[in-house]
Amino acid sequence: MVFGLREKDLGELLAWMLAAAVLASLGIWAYRGRRNGDGAILKFIAYPIVLLIFCAVVFDLAHIMMPGALADVIFTALEDGGEMMSIAAAATVSIAVFGNYEKIFDGSGSQHIGVN
């Protein structure tokens, strides 16, 4: 046991780190080839992704480190509920972008999305 974590937990943490490395590489590639309008979409989708990672990693590790029935209920709700809410928010952003593609990218290279 390293840092009080089980082998299963260390494996899960390693898998998240591997996924983060792959996604970071793809994110850097996409950022370097962005068009007008992409920055606004990135801003909207980044928050749900950060929330997903936070809930999946931080709440899961806190759940492992704090035993007890009450901690089990609280951290399960925070972890699973936070993950579900972040995925729902990412899906909502994706649907909003899909439905407003012409408003975001008008073909002239100008950006038309904003927070009002």
Protein backbone atom coordinates (compact mmCIF):
# COMPACT_ATOMS: atom_id res chain seq x y z
CA MET A 1 0.00 0.00 0.00
CA VAL A 2 1.38 3.34 -1.09
CA PHE A 3 -0.01 6.47 0.60
CA GLY A 4 -2.68 4.25 2.17
CA LEU A 5 -4.10 3.32 -1.24
CA ARG A 6 -4.98 -0.19 -2.36
CA GLU A 7 -3.52 -1.69 -5.53
CA LYS A 8 -6.89 -1.19 -7.23
CA ASP A 9 -6.85 2.50 -6.34
CA LEU A 10 -3.29 2.96 -7.56
CA GLY A 11 -4.24 1.28 -10.82
CA GLU A 12 -7.22 3.61 -11.21
CA LEU A 13 -5.02 6.63 -10.51
CA LEU A 14 -2.46 5.40 -13.06
CA ALA A 15 -5.23 4.92 -15.64
CA TRP A 16 -6.44 8.50 -15.06
CA MET A 17 -2.89 9.78 -15.47
CA LEU A 18 -2.50 7.87 -18.74
CA ALA A 19 -5.85 9.16 -20.01
CA ALA A 20 -4.86 12.71 -19.00
CA ALA A 21 -1.58 12.42 -20.92
CA VAL A 22 -3.37 11.26 -24.08
CA LEU A 23 -6.09 13.90 -23.77
CA ALA A 24 -3.55 16.63 -23.05
CA SER A 25 -1.64 15.68 -26.20
CA LEU A 26 -4.84 15.82 -28.25
CA GLY A 27 -5.80 19.09 -26.59
CA ILE A 28 -2.47 20.70 -27.46
CA TRP A 29 -2.76 19.49 -31.05
CA ALA A 30 -6.31 20.85 -31.34
CA TYR A 31 -5.33 24.15 -29.70
CA ARG A 32 -2.50 24.70 -32.16
CA GLY A 33 -4.83 24.15 -35.13
CA ARG A 34 -7.78 26.15 -33.84
CA ARG A 35 -10.01 28.46 -35.87
CA ASN A 36 -11.96 31.53 -34.85
CA GLY A 37 -14.78 30.35 -32.62
CA ASP A 38 -12.89 27.36 -31.24
CA GLY A 39 -11.62 29.34 -28.25
CA ALA A 40 -15.13 30.12 -27.08
CA ILE A 41 -16.13 26.47 -27.38
CA LEU A 42 -13.02 25.44 -25.46
CA LYS A 43 -13.93 27.81 -22.64
CA PHE A 44 -17.42 26.33 -22.37
CA ILE A 45 -16.35 22.66 -22.51
CA ALA A 46 -13.29 22.98 -20.25
CA TYR A 47 -15.27 23.54 -17.05
CA PRO A 48 -17.28 20.29 -17.22
CA ILE A 49 -14.12 18.34 -18.04
CA VAL A 50 -12.22 19.84 -15.11
CA LEU A 51 -15.19 19.11 -12.84
CA LEU A 52 -15.28 15.50 -14.07
CA ILE A 53 -11.60 14.99 -13.33
CA PHE A 54 -11.90 16.68 -9.94
CA CYS A 55 -14.84 14.51 -8.87
CA ALA A 56 -13.33 11.31 -10.23
CA VAL A 57 -9.91 11.77 -8.69
CA VAL A 58 -10.14 14.03 -5.63
CA PHE A 59 -13.43 12.76 -4.19
CA ASP A 60 -12.45 9.16 -4.92
CA LEU A 61 -9.13 9.52 -3.09
CA ALA A 62 -10.82 11.30 -0.17
CA HIS A 63 -13.40 8.51 -0.07
CA ILE A 64 -10.65 5.91 0.19
CA MET A 65 -8.80 7.78 2.93
CA MET A 66 -11.86 8.42 5.13
CA PRO A 67 -13.51 5.20 6.21
CA GLY A 68 -16.92 5.04 7.80
CA ALA A 69 -20.55 4.75 6.86
CA LEU A 70 -21.28 8.48 6.80
CA ALA A 71 -18.14 9.24 4.75
CA ASP A 72 -19.13 6.44 2.38
CA VAL A 73 -22.54 8.00 1.74
CA ILE A 74 -21.22 11.55 1.41
CA PHE A 75 -18.28 10.79 -0.86
CA THR A 76 -20.26 8.38 -3.04
CA ALA A 77 -22.84 11.12 -3.61
CA LEU A 78 -20.17 13.75 -4.29
CA GLU A 79 -18.12 11.54 -6.58
CA ASP A 80 -20.88 9.89 -8.60
CA GLY A 81 -23.20 12.90 -8.56
CA GLY A 82 -20.41 15.25 -9.62
CA GLU A 83 -19.38 12.92 -12.44
CA MET A 84 -22.96 12.66 -13.70
CA MET A 85 -23.49 16.42 -13.53
CA SER A 86 -20.25 17.15 -15.37
CA ILE A 87 -21.07 14.67 -18.15
CA ALA A 88 -24.57 16.19 -18.44
CA ALA A 89 -23.01 19.68 -18.67
CA ALA A 90 -20.55 18.53 -21.35
CA ALA A 91 -23.38 16.95 -23.33
CA THR A 92 -25.42 20.15 -23.02
CA VAL A 93 -22.50 22.22 -24.32
CA SER A 94 -22.03 19.79 -27.20
CA ILE A 95 -25.71 19.98 -28.16
CA ALA A 96 -25.66 23.78 -27.90
CA VAL A 97 -22.61 24.00 -30.17
CA PHE A 98 -24.12 21.56 -32.66
CA GLY A 99 -27.38 23.50 -32.77
CA ASN A 100 -25.67 26.88 -33.18
CA TYR A 101 -22.81 25.99 -35.49
CA GLU A 102 -23.67 28.70 -38.01
CA LYS A 103 -23.75 31.35 -35.29
CA ILE A 104 -20.33 30.30 -34.02
CA PHE A 105 -18.65 29.87 -37.41
CA ASP A 106 -20.17 31.97 -40.17
CA GLY A 107 -17.61 31.03 -42.79
CA SER A 108 -15.92 34.42 -42.79
CA GLY A 109 -13.58 33.52 -39.98
CA SER A 110 -15.27 35.81 -37.50
CA GLN A 111 -16.51 34.64 -34.15
CA HIS A 112 -20.11 35.28 -33.10
CA ILE A 113 -20.46 33.55 -29.75
CA GLY A 114 -20.56 35.33 -26.46
CA VAL A 115 -22.01 35.11 -23.01
CA ASN A 116 -24.93 37.49 -22.62
